[in-house]
Amino acid sequence: MIDAMKNRSALEIYKEGGAWWETEISHIQKNSIEIRGYPIEELIGELSYPQMLYLLLVGELLDDSKAALFESVLVAGADHGPRAPSIAAARMAVTCGISFNSS
């Protein structure tokens, strides 16, 4: 299919009913959006944010218990933020005059 699209604009392909942009993640055509093979209208309101994120990244749906665990990992990572011990140590080292690369 890639050879057939050479020397054709994305707009021309889209006007003929083809996808504007093709990826492994999404397939978008007139009146149709699919994410990893699932119609978007089947995902909206059915998946949590962690489930959707996992689907986008990995291409698989998570059940509720795994999604809850994934959400906990995301929250825990966000919670550490700029005050994580490793970051605090680097900031302290820079403050004491150690070079940026050494910190």
Protein backbone atom coordinates (compact mmCIF):
# COMPACT_ATOMS: atom_id res chain seq x y z
CA MET A 1 0.00 0.00 0.00
CA ILE A 2 2.91 2.35 0.67
CA ASP A 3 4.03 2.13 -2.99
CA ALA A 4 0.50 2.99 -4.12
CA MET A 5 0.61 6.19 -2.03
CA LYS A 6 3.88 7.52 -3.48
CA ASN A 7 3.49 10.86 -5.20
CA ARG A 8 -0.01 11.32 -3.77
CA SER A 9 -0.87 13.90 -1.19
CA ALA A 10 -2.52 12.98 2.11
CA LEU A 11 -5.41 15.26 1.14
CA GLU A 12 -5.95 13.37 -2.11
CA ILE A 13 -5.94 10.02 -0.31
CA TYR A 14 -8.34 11.38 2.33
CA LYS A 15 -10.75 12.72 -0.30
CA GLU A 16 -10.87 9.23 -1.81
CA GLY A 17 -11.88 7.73 1.54
CA GLY A 18 -8.44 6.73 2.76
CA ALA A 19 -6.96 7.53 6.13
CA TRP A 20 -5.45 10.99 6.58
CA TRP A 21 -2.56 9.50 8.52
CA GLU A 22 -1.95 5.80 9.14
CA THR A 23 -0.27 4.43 12.26
CA GLU A 24 -0.43 1.26 14.33
CA ILE A 25 -2.22 3.25 17.04
CA SER A 26 -5.04 5.02 15.28
CA HIS A 27 -7.01 4.80 12.08
CA ILE A 28 -8.97 7.91 11.16
CA GLN A 29 -11.34 8.25 8.24
CA LYS A 30 -14.40 10.35 7.59
CA ASN A 31 -16.90 9.65 10.41
CA SER A 32 -14.67 6.96 11.89
CA ILE A 33 -11.92 6.94 14.51
CA GLU A 34 -10.37 3.68 15.72
CA ILE A 35 -7.78 3.34 18.45
CA ARG A 36 -5.85 0.07 18.27
CA GLY A 37 -8.75 -1.42 16.30
CA TYR A 38 -11.51 -0.28 18.69
CA PRO A 39 -14.07 2.32 17.54
CA ILE A 40 -13.62 5.41 19.71
CA GLU A 41 -17.32 5.44 20.60
CA GLU A 42 -16.88 2.04 22.28
CA LEU A 43 -14.00 3.37 24.42
CA ILE A 44 -15.41 6.71 25.56
CA GLY A 45 -17.12 6.33 28.90
CA GLU A 46 -16.07 2.69 29.19
CA LEU A 47 -12.33 2.91 29.88
CA SER A 48 -10.58 4.69 32.71
CA TYR A 49 -7.69 7.00 31.86
CA PRO A 50 -5.09 4.37 32.89
CA GLN A 51 -6.84 1.76 30.73
CA MET A 52 -6.83 4.12 27.74
CA LEU A 53 -3.21 5.07 28.28
CA TYR A 54 -2.21 1.40 28.45
CA LEU A 55 -4.20 0.65 25.30
CA LEU A 56 -2.43 3.46 23.46
CA LEU A 57 1.03 2.43 24.65
CA VAL A 58 0.81 -1.36 24.62
CA GLY A 59 -2.19 -2.16 22.44
CA GLU A 60 -3.99 -4.27 25.04
CA LEU A 61 -6.98 -3.67 27.29
CA LEU A 62 -6.43 -3.89 31.04
CA ASP A 63 -9.01 -5.42 33.34
CA ASP A 64 -10.20 -3.28 36.27
CA SER A 65 -7.79 -4.71 38.87
CA LYS A 66 -4.71 -4.26 36.66
CA ALA A 67 -5.91 -0.78 35.69
CA ALA A 68 -6.17 0.13 39.40
CA LEU A 69 -2.61 -1.07 39.95
CA PHE A 70 -1.39 0.87 36.90
CA GLU A 71 -3.16 3.99 38.18
CA SER A 72 -1.44 3.54 41.56
CA VAL A 73 1.93 3.38 39.81
CA LEU A 74 1.15 6.57 37.87
CA VAL A 75 0.00 8.39 41.00
CA ALA A 76 3.01 7.20 43.00
CA GLY A 77 5.34 8.44 40.27
CA ALA A 78 3.60 11.80 40.16
CA ASP A 79 3.67 12.03 43.95
CA HIS A 80 7.46 11.90 44.06
CA GLY A 81 7.66 14.86 41.70
CA PRO A 82 10.48 17.37 42.15
CA ARG A 83 11.05 16.42 45.81
CA ALA A 84 12.22 12.86 45.22
CA PRO A 85 15.33 12.05 47.31
CA SER A 86 17.51 11.56 44.22
CA ILE A 87 16.53 14.98 42.90
CA ALA A 88 17.04 16.62 46.29
CA ALA A 89 20.56 15.15 46.49
CA ALA A 90 21.44 16.50 43.04
CA ARG A 91 20.07 19.94 43.92
CA MET A 92 22.05 19.99 47.15
CA ALA A 93 25.22 18.99 45.31
CA VAL A 94 24.79 21.79 42.77
CA THR A 95 24.10 24.29 45.57
CA CYS A 96 27.39 23.28 47.19
CA GLY A 97 29.32 24.07 44.03
CA ILE A 98 29.73 20.64 42.44
CA SER A 99 29.51 20.74 38.66
CA PHE A 100 26.21 20.15 36.93
CA ASN A 101 27.44 16.93 35.28
CA SER A 102 28.75 15.54 38.57
CA SER A 103 25.48 16.27 40.31
